[in-house]
Amino acid sequence: MRWRKPVGERGSMAIEIVILVPALLLLLSLIVAMGRFVTTQGDVRAAARESVRAATLARDETSARAAARAAATASLPSDAHCEPAELSGPFTRGSTLTVTLRCQVSWADLSEIGLTGHTTVTIESSAPLDEYRRVGAA
């Protein structure tokens, strides 16, 4: 005696796969998009932290700006699309310097799930200037 499927169940597996595969591909694309965003956010956060640290080690405001931009450029991945680091705050003893970095996360290759263009990630990092260090000329 051979077992046979009921007649009403023919082709149901094919229909399930046709419905399930696009949903799984959509979910996978969303995971890739969020992974890309979180990775870029972490890279920008680390670069801002390195940048403000480099700025606080400088002796004057001009070299602090240059050090902040150089540290940000060196810390970011080569494929990052970022504006130059912005340094703000007074360059005086005991003050706090803040570096702001803005980078874009591209969604260009994820248009099949409706994501187009880019999103901007903005990260700020602050650090104090040492109360007992010499700043400025002299």
C-alpha atoms as a PDB file:
ATOM      1  CA  MET A   1       0.000   0.000   0.000  1.00  0.00           C
ATOM      2  CA  ARG A   2       1.418   3.375  -1.017  1.00  0.00           C
ATOM      3  CA  TRP A   3       0.815   6.612   0.768  1.00  0.00           C
ATOM      4  CA  ARG A   4      -0.614   9.438  -1.346  1.00  0.00           C
ATOM      5  CA  LYS A   5      -1.112  13.108  -0.627  1.00  0.00           C
ATOM      6  CA  PRO A   6      -4.659  14.343  -0.566  1.00  0.00           C
ATOM      7  CA  VAL A   7      -5.608  15.978  -3.870  1.00  0.00           C
ATOM      8  CA  GLY A   8      -6.299  19.406  -2.297  1.00  0.00           C
ATOM      9  CA  GLU A   9      -2.676  19.778  -1.087  1.00  0.00           C
ATOM     10  CA  ARG A  10      -1.016  19.698  -4.534  1.00  0.00           C
ATOM     11  CA  GLY A  11       1.333  22.674  -5.102  1.00  0.00           C
ATOM     12  CA  SER A  12       0.895  24.146  -1.641  1.00  0.00           C
ATOM     13  CA  MET A  13       4.642  23.936  -0.937  1.00  0.00           C
ATOM     14  CA  ALA A  14       5.428  25.967  -4.065  1.00  0.00           C
ATOM     15  CA  ILE A  15       2.957  28.663  -3.027  1.00  0.00           C
ATOM     16  CA  GLU A  16       4.435  28.806   0.466  1.00  0.00           C
ATOM     17  CA  ILE A  17       7.930  29.261  -0.959  1.00  0.00           C
ATOM     18  CA  VAL A  18       6.780  31.943  -3.407  1.00  0.00           C
ATOM     19  CA  ILE A  19       5.289  33.907  -0.499  1.00  0.00           C
ATOM     20  CA  LEU A  20       8.048  33.230   2.021  1.00  0.00           C
ATOM     21  CA  VAL A  21      11.198  33.931  -0.055  1.00  0.00           C
ATOM     22  CA  PRO A  22      10.461  37.631  -0.814  1.00  0.00           C
ATOM     23  CA  ALA A  23       9.599  38.234   2.832  1.00  0.00           C
ATOM     24  CA  LEU A  24      12.881  36.660   3.944  1.00  0.00           C
ATOM     25  CA  LEU A  25      14.848  38.681   1.367  1.00  0.00           C
ATOM     26  CA  LEU A  26      13.195  41.867   2.630  1.00  0.00           C
ATOM     27  CA  LEU A  27      14.116  40.977   6.199  1.00  0.00           C
ATOM     28  CA  LEU A  28      17.709  40.218   5.170  1.00  0.00           C
ATOM     29  CA  SER A  29      17.983  43.572   3.352  1.00  0.00           C
ATOM     30  CA  LEU A  30      16.700  45.423   6.419  1.00  0.00           C
ATOM     31  CA  ILE A  31      19.278  43.643   8.575  1.00  0.00           C
ATOM     32  CA  VAL A  32      22.016  44.694   6.133  1.00  0.00           C
ATOM     33  CA  ALA A  33      20.776  48.311   6.195  1.00  0.00           C
ATOM     34  CA  MET A  34      20.694  48.492   9.988  1.00  0.00           C
ATOM     35  CA  GLY A  35      24.094  46.814  10.212  1.00  0.00           C
ATOM     36  CA  ARG A  36      25.524  49.394   7.840  1.00  0.00           C
ATOM     37  CA  PHE A  37      24.018  52.226   9.908  1.00  0.00           C
ATOM     38  CA  VAL A  38      25.254  50.878  13.260  1.00  0.00           C
ATOM     39  CA  THR A  39      28.746  50.196  11.871  1.00  0.00           C
ATOM     40  CA  THR A  40      29.047  53.713  10.450  1.00  0.00           C
ATOM     41  CA  GLN A  41      27.740  55.195  13.691  1.00  0.00           C
ATOM     42  CA  GLY A  42      30.382  53.287  15.693  1.00  0.00           C
ATOM     43  CA  ASP A  43      33.169  54.329  13.311  1.00  0.00           C
ATOM     44  CA  VAL A  44      32.115  57.989  13.500  1.00  0.00           C
ATOM     45  CA  ARG A  45      31.858  57.838  17.312  1.00  0.00           C
ATOM     46  CA  ALA A  46      35.400  56.412  17.576  1.00  0.00           C
ATOM     47  CA  ALA A  47      36.767  58.994  15.130  1.00  0.00           C
ATOM     48  CA  ALA A  48      35.153  61.860  17.071  1.00  0.00           C
ATOM     49  CA  ARG A  49      36.637  60.551  20.315  1.00  0.00           C
ATOM     50  CA  GLU A  50      40.133  60.316  18.767  1.00  0.00           C
ATOM     51  CA  SER A  51      39.713  63.708  17.162  1.00  0.00           C
ATOM     52  CA  VAL A  52      38.830  65.571  20.363  1.00  0.00           C
ATOM     53  CA  ARG A  53      41.638  63.797  22.200  1.00  0.00           C
ATOM     54  CA  ALA A  54      44.137  64.961  19.573  1.00  0.00           C
ATOM     55  CA  ALA A  55      42.760  68.503  19.791  1.00  0.00           C
ATOM     56  CA  THR A  56      43.206  68.664  23.583  1.00  0.00           C
ATOM     57  CA  LEU A  57      46.874  67.723  23.235  1.00  0.00           C
ATOM     58  CA  ALA A  58      47.619  70.714  20.978  1.00  0.00           C
ATOM     59  CA  ARG A  59      49.113  73.957  22.320  1.00  0.00           C
ATOM     60  CA  ASP A  60      47.009  76.467  20.366  1.00  0.00           C
ATOM     61  CA  GLU A  61      43.634  76.632  18.645  1.00  0.00           C
ATOM     62  CA  THR A  62      44.990  76.516  15.093  1.00  0.00           C
ATOM     63  CA  SER A  63      47.014  73.374  15.683  1.00  0.00           C
ATOM     64  CA  ALA A  64      44.087  71.888  17.658  1.00  0.00           C
ATOM     65  CA  ARG A  65      41.806  72.285  14.626  1.00  0.00           C
ATOM     66  CA  ALA A  66      44.427  70.736  12.350  1.00  0.00           C
ATOM     67  CA  ALA A  67      45.036  67.878  14.797  1.00  0.00           C
ATOM     68  CA  ALA A  68      41.295  67.208  15.129  1.00  0.00           C
ATOM     69  CA  ARG A  69      40.823  67.023  11.355  1.00  0.00           C
ATOM     70  CA  ALA A  70      43.894  64.867  10.856  1.00  0.00           C
ATOM     71  CA  ALA A  71      42.862  62.440  13.615  1.00  0.00           C
ATOM     72  CA  ALA A  72      39.322  62.179  12.233  1.00  0.00           C
ATOM     73  CA  THR A  73      40.602  61.502   8.727  1.00  0.00           C
ATOM     74  CA  ALA A  74      43.024  58.867   9.988  1.00  0.00           C
ATOM     75  CA  SER A  75      40.402  57.152  12.176  1.00  0.00           C
ATOM     76  CA  LEU A  76      37.603  56.918   9.631  1.00  0.00           C
ATOM     77  CA  PRO A  77      37.454  54.125   7.036  1.00  0.00           C
ATOM     78  CA  SER A  78      38.507  55.135   3.535  1.00  0.00           C
ATOM     79  CA  ASP A  79      34.985  54.622   2.148  1.00  0.00           C
ATOM     80  CA  ALA A  80      33.387  57.002   4.687  1.00  0.00           C
ATOM     81  CA  HIS A  81      31.735  60.127   3.261  1.00  0.00           C
ATOM     82  CA  CYS A  82      32.260  62.723   5.985  1.00  0.00           C
ATOM     83  CA  GLU A  83      32.534  66.464   6.355  1.00  0.00           C
ATOM     84  CA  PRO A  84      35.712  67.799   7.999  1.00  0.00           C
ATOM     85  CA  ALA A  85      35.690  67.683  11.801  1.00  0.00           C
ATOM     86  CA  GLU A  86      34.350  70.839  13.463  1.00  0.00           C
ATOM     87  CA  LEU A  87      36.032  71.983  16.682  1.00  0.00           C
ATOM     88  CA  SER A  88      34.082  74.231  19.049  1.00  0.00           C
ATOM     89  CA  GLY A  89      34.586  75.654  22.497  1.00  0.00           C
ATOM     90  CA  PRO A  90      37.046  78.170  23.914  1.00  0.00           C
ATOM     91  CA  PHE A  91      40.680  77.102  23.857  1.00  0.00           C
ATOM     92  CA  THR A  92      41.447  78.131  27.435  1.00  0.00           C
ATOM     93  CA  ARG A  93      42.575  76.211  30.517  1.00  0.00           C
ATOM     94  CA  GLY A  94      39.830  74.117  32.048  1.00  0.00           C
ATOM     95  CA  SER A  95      37.395  74.648  29.177  1.00  0.00           C
ATOM     96  CA  THR A  96      35.749  71.867  27.235  1.00  0.00           C
ATOM     97  CA  LEU A  97      36.417  71.277  23.550  1.00  0.00           C
ATOM     98  CA  THR A  98      33.807  69.566  21.399  1.00  0.00           C
ATOM     99  CA  VAL A  99      34.331  67.892  18.037  1.00  0.00           C
ATOM    100  CA  THR A 100      31.379  67.320  15.729  1.00  0.00           C
ATOM    101  CA  LEU A 101      31.547  64.823  12.867  1.00  0.00           C
ATOM    102  CA  ARG A 102      28.870  64.379  10.190  1.00  0.00           C
ATOM    103  CA  CYS A 103      28.975  61.361   7.902  1.00  0.00           C
ATOM    104  CA  GLN A 104      26.566  59.910   5.383  1.00  0.00           C
ATOM    105  CA  VAL A 105      25.322  56.330   5.288  1.00  0.00           C
ATOM    106  CA  SER A 106      24.465  55.423   1.703  1.00  0.00           C
ATOM    107  CA  TRP A 107      21.405  53.337   0.868  1.00  0.00           C
ATOM    108  CA  ALA A 108      22.201  53.330  -2.871  1.00  0.00           C
ATOM    109  CA  ASP A 109      22.349  49.556  -3.299  1.00  0.00           C
ATOM    110  CA  LEU A 110      19.271  48.889  -1.132  1.00  0.00           C
ATOM    111  CA  SER A 111      16.677  50.511  -3.399  1.00  0.00           C
ATOM    112  CA  GLU A 112      14.802  47.220  -3.853  1.00  0.00           C
ATOM    113  CA  ILE A 113      13.402  47.593  -0.321  1.00  0.00           C
ATOM    114  CA  GLY A 114      12.527  51.251  -0.747  1.00  0.00           C
ATOM    115  CA  LEU A 115      15.651  52.810   0.778  1.00  0.00           C
ATOM    116  CA  THR A 116      17.192  55.451  -1.446  1.00  0.00           C
ATOM    117  CA  GLY A 117      19.657  58.262  -0.949  1.00  0.00           C
ATOM    118  CA  HIS A 118      21.491  58.514   2.347  1.00  0.00           C
ATOM    119  CA  THR A 119      21.135  59.243   6.043  1.00  0.00           C
ATOM    120  CA  THR A 120      23.418  61.579   7.971  1.00  0.00           C
ATOM    121  CA  VAL A 121      25.022  60.419  11.207  1.00  0.00           C
ATOM    122  CA  THR A 122      26.092  63.292  13.497  1.00  0.00           C
ATOM    123  CA  ILE A 123      28.258  62.533  16.517  1.00  0.00           C
ATOM    124  CA  GLU A 124      29.732  64.935  19.083  1.00  0.00           C
ATOM    125  CA  SER A 125      32.532  64.154  21.496  1.00  0.00           C
ATOM    126  CA  SER A 126      33.844  66.440  24.232  1.00  0.00           C
ATOM    127  CA  ALA A 127      36.961  66.551  26.378  1.00  0.00           C
ATOM    128  CA  PRO A 128      38.328  69.089  28.852  1.00  0.00           C
ATOM    129  CA  LEU A 129      41.571  70.964  28.457  1.00  0.00           C
ATOM    130  CA  ASP A 130      43.884  70.373  31.389  1.00  0.00           C
ATOM    131  CA  GLU A 131      43.573  73.008  34.084  1.00  0.00           C
ATOM    132  CA  TYR A 132      47.362  73.159  34.616  1.00  0.00           C
ATOM    133  CA  ARG A 133      48.687  73.108  31.066  1.00  0.00           C
ATOM    134  CA  ARG A 134      50.089  75.978  29.119  1.00  0.00           C
ATOM    135  CA  VAL A 135      48.008  77.079  26.153  1.00  0.00           C
ATOM    136  CA  GLY A 136      48.597  79.744  23.539  1.00  0.00           C
ATOM    137  CA  ALA A 137      51.845  81.427  22.607  1.00  0.00           C
ATOM    138  CA  ALA A 138      54.670  81.983  25.057  1.00  0.00           C
END
